[in-house]
Amino acid sequence: MQSNDTGYLALLDTHMPARWYMIRTEDILKAGEKTYTLFELRVQSDKRLSEICTQELYETVAKHKDTILKKGYSGLVQILKEKDDEILFGED
């Protein structure tokens, strides 16, 4: 990571309703090595980015729900991997 890059811990809370919590690694590293509760990580999350990621998850799942229902978890993983590739590499 470059000094001007921001890293994130991406935490998917699957308790309904499912939500992403995006926590800046810099904020976690400042506190030093320790164990965090889910509550602490939620409080530290970037609210705006977390909401954007959660909305994207819902839209992606809704768009591909038939594939997910047919293939189960492996179908969801495949779809999310393709979405990651599209975001990272500009692939369609």
C-alpha atoms as a PDB file:
ATOM      1  CA  MET A   1       0.000   0.000   0.000  1.00  0.00           C
ATOM      2  CA  GLN A   2       1.231   3.494  -0.797  1.00  0.00           C
ATOM      3  CA  SER A   3       1.246   6.060   1.996  1.00  0.00           C
ATOM      4  CA  ASN A   4      -1.649   7.921   0.365  1.00  0.00           C
ATOM      5  CA  ASP A   5      -3.756   4.766  -0.124  1.00  0.00           C
ATOM      6  CA  THR A   6      -6.581   3.913   2.232  1.00  0.00           C
ATOM      7  CA  GLY A   7      -7.108   0.283   3.142  1.00  0.00           C
ATOM      8  CA  TYR A   8     -10.356  -1.136   4.488  1.00  0.00           C
ATOM      9  CA  LEU A   9     -11.490  -4.118   6.476  1.00  0.00           C
ATOM     10  CA  ALA A  10     -14.701  -5.228   4.775  1.00  0.00           C
ATOM     11  CA  LEU A  11     -17.048  -6.947   7.218  1.00  0.00           C
ATOM     12  CA  LEU A  12     -20.250  -8.550   5.937  1.00  0.00           C
ATOM     13  CA  ASP A  13     -22.748  -8.908   8.770  1.00  0.00           C
ATOM     14  CA  THR A  14     -25.138 -11.611   7.567  1.00  0.00           C
ATOM     15  CA  HIS A  15     -27.619 -11.067  10.385  1.00  0.00           C
ATOM     16  CA  MET A  16     -30.776  -9.832   8.662  1.00  0.00           C
ATOM     17  CA  PRO A  17     -30.788  -7.359   7.153  1.00  0.00           C
ATOM     18  CA  ALA A  18     -27.341  -8.131   5.779  1.00  0.00           C
ATOM     19  CA  ARG A  19     -25.005  -5.119   5.780  1.00  0.00           C
ATOM     20  CA  TRP A  20     -21.458  -4.300   4.820  1.00  0.00           C
ATOM     21  CA  TYR A  21     -19.310  -2.452   7.337  1.00  0.00           C
ATOM     22  CA  MET A  22     -16.237  -0.818   5.834  1.00  0.00           C
ATOM     23  CA  ILE A  23     -13.625   0.043   8.465  1.00  0.00           C
ATOM     24  CA  ARG A  24     -10.467   1.987   7.631  1.00  0.00           C
ATOM     25  CA  THR A  25      -7.451  -0.140   8.528  1.00  0.00           C
ATOM     26  CA  GLU A  26      -5.649   2.990   9.692  1.00  0.00           C
ATOM     27  CA  ASP A  27      -8.271   3.419  12.430  1.00  0.00           C
ATOM     28  CA  ILE A  28      -7.838  -0.178  13.564  1.00  0.00           C
ATOM     29  CA  LEU A  29      -4.040  -0.001  13.523  1.00  0.00           C
ATOM     30  CA  LYS A  30      -4.017   3.158  15.665  1.00  0.00           C
ATOM     31  CA  ALA A  31      -5.510   1.220  18.584  1.00  0.00           C
ATOM     32  CA  GLY A  32      -2.803  -1.419  18.374  1.00  0.00           C
ATOM     33  CA  GLU A  33      -3.212  -5.163  18.496  1.00  0.00           C
ATOM     34  CA  LYS A  34      -6.415  -6.078  20.302  1.00  0.00           C
ATOM     35  CA  THR A  35      -9.647  -7.991  19.915  1.00  0.00           C
ATOM     36  CA  TYR A  36     -12.634  -6.016  18.656  1.00  0.00           C
ATOM     37  CA  THR A  37     -16.298  -6.661  19.258  1.00  0.00           C
ATOM     38  CA  LEU A  38     -18.715  -6.458  16.338  1.00  0.00           C
ATOM     39  CA  PHE A  39     -20.219  -3.382  17.990  1.00  0.00           C
ATOM     40  CA  GLU A  40     -16.833  -1.614  18.074  1.00  0.00           C
ATOM     41  CA  LEU A  41     -16.218  -2.357  14.398  1.00  0.00           C
ATOM     42  CA  ARG A  42     -19.695  -1.121  13.440  1.00  0.00           C
ATOM     43  CA  VAL A  43     -19.106   2.143  15.316  1.00  0.00           C
ATOM     44  CA  GLN A  44     -15.753   2.672  13.550  1.00  0.00           C
ATOM     45  CA  SER A  45     -17.142   1.956  10.083  1.00  0.00           C
ATOM     46  CA  ASP A  46     -17.261   4.519   7.301  1.00  0.00           C
ATOM     47  CA  LYS A  47     -21.048   5.005   7.218  1.00  0.00           C
ATOM     48  CA  ARG A  48     -21.268   6.412   3.696  1.00  0.00           C
ATOM     49  CA  LEU A  49     -19.031   3.784   2.086  1.00  0.00           C
ATOM     50  CA  SER A  50     -20.717   1.004   4.074  1.00  0.00           C
ATOM     51  CA  GLU A  51     -24.131   2.087   2.797  1.00  0.00           C
ATOM     52  CA  ILE A  52     -22.895   2.261  -0.811  1.00  0.00           C
ATOM     53  CA  CYS A  53     -21.461  -1.271  -0.551  1.00  0.00           C
ATOM     54  CA  THR A  54     -24.620  -2.615   1.092  1.00  0.00           C
ATOM     55  CA  GLN A  55     -26.805  -1.104  -1.633  1.00  0.00           C
ATOM     56  CA  GLU A  56     -24.549  -2.569  -4.339  1.00  0.00           C
ATOM     57  CA  LEU A  57     -24.826  -6.002  -2.707  1.00  0.00           C
ATOM     58  CA  TYR A  58     -28.636  -5.798  -2.676  1.00  0.00           C
ATOM     59  CA  GLU A  59     -28.777  -4.678  -6.308  1.00  0.00           C
ATOM     60  CA  THR A  60     -26.374  -7.407  -7.445  1.00  0.00           C
ATOM     61  CA  VAL A  61     -28.244 -10.141  -5.573  1.00  0.00           C
ATOM     62  CA  ALA A  62     -31.609  -8.910  -6.902  1.00  0.00           C
ATOM     63  CA  LYS A  63     -30.284  -8.833 -10.472  1.00  0.00           C
ATOM     64  CA  HIS A  64     -28.934 -12.404 -10.260  1.00  0.00           C
ATOM     65  CA  LYS A  65     -31.379 -14.029  -7.844  1.00  0.00           C
ATOM     66  CA  ASP A  66     -32.345 -16.841 -10.256  1.00  0.00           C
ATOM     67  CA  THR A  67     -28.722 -17.941 -10.637  1.00  0.00           C
ATOM     68  CA  ILE A  68     -28.186 -17.704  -6.894  1.00  0.00           C
ATOM     69  CA  LEU A  69     -31.293 -19.791  -6.186  1.00  0.00           C
ATOM     70  CA  LYS A  70     -30.188 -22.435  -8.705  1.00  0.00           C
ATOM     71  CA  LYS A  71     -26.535 -22.645  -7.714  1.00  0.00           C
ATOM     72  CA  GLY A  72     -26.753 -21.647  -4.050  1.00  0.00           C
ATOM     73  CA  TYR A  73     -23.714 -20.241  -2.311  1.00  0.00           C
ATOM     74  CA  SER A  74     -21.325 -21.131  -5.145  1.00  0.00           C
ATOM     75  CA  GLY A  75     -23.511 -19.111  -7.533  1.00  0.00           C
ATOM     76  CA  LEU A  76     -23.386 -16.118  -5.226  1.00  0.00           C
ATOM     77  CA  VAL A  77     -19.602 -16.372  -4.932  1.00  0.00           C
ATOM     78  CA  GLN A  78     -19.261 -16.600  -8.731  1.00  0.00           C
ATOM     79  CA  ILE A  79     -21.450 -13.518  -9.271  1.00  0.00           C
ATOM     80  CA  LEU A  80     -19.620 -11.472  -6.636  1.00  0.00           C
ATOM     81  CA  LYS A  81     -16.245 -12.499  -8.097  1.00  0.00           C
ATOM     82  CA  GLU A  82     -17.379 -11.344 -11.543  1.00  0.00           C
ATOM     83  CA  LYS A  83     -18.602  -8.070 -10.017  1.00  0.00           C
ATOM     84  CA  ASP A  84     -15.232  -7.580  -8.278  1.00  0.00           C
ATOM     85  CA  ASP A  85     -13.407  -8.176 -11.570  1.00  0.00           C
ATOM     86  CA  GLU A  86     -15.670  -5.662 -13.297  1.00  0.00           C
ATOM     87  CA  ILE A  87     -14.935  -3.034 -10.643  1.00  0.00           C
ATOM     88  CA  LEU A  88     -11.205  -3.722 -10.392  1.00  0.00           C
ATOM     89  CA  PHE A  89     -10.376  -4.351 -14.033  1.00  0.00           C
ATOM     90  CA  GLY A  90     -13.176  -2.619 -15.937  1.00  0.00           C
ATOM     91  CA  GLU A  91     -14.382  -5.912 -17.390  1.00  0.00           C
ATOM     92  CA  ASP A  92     -18.022  -6.521 -18.309  1.00  0.00           C
END
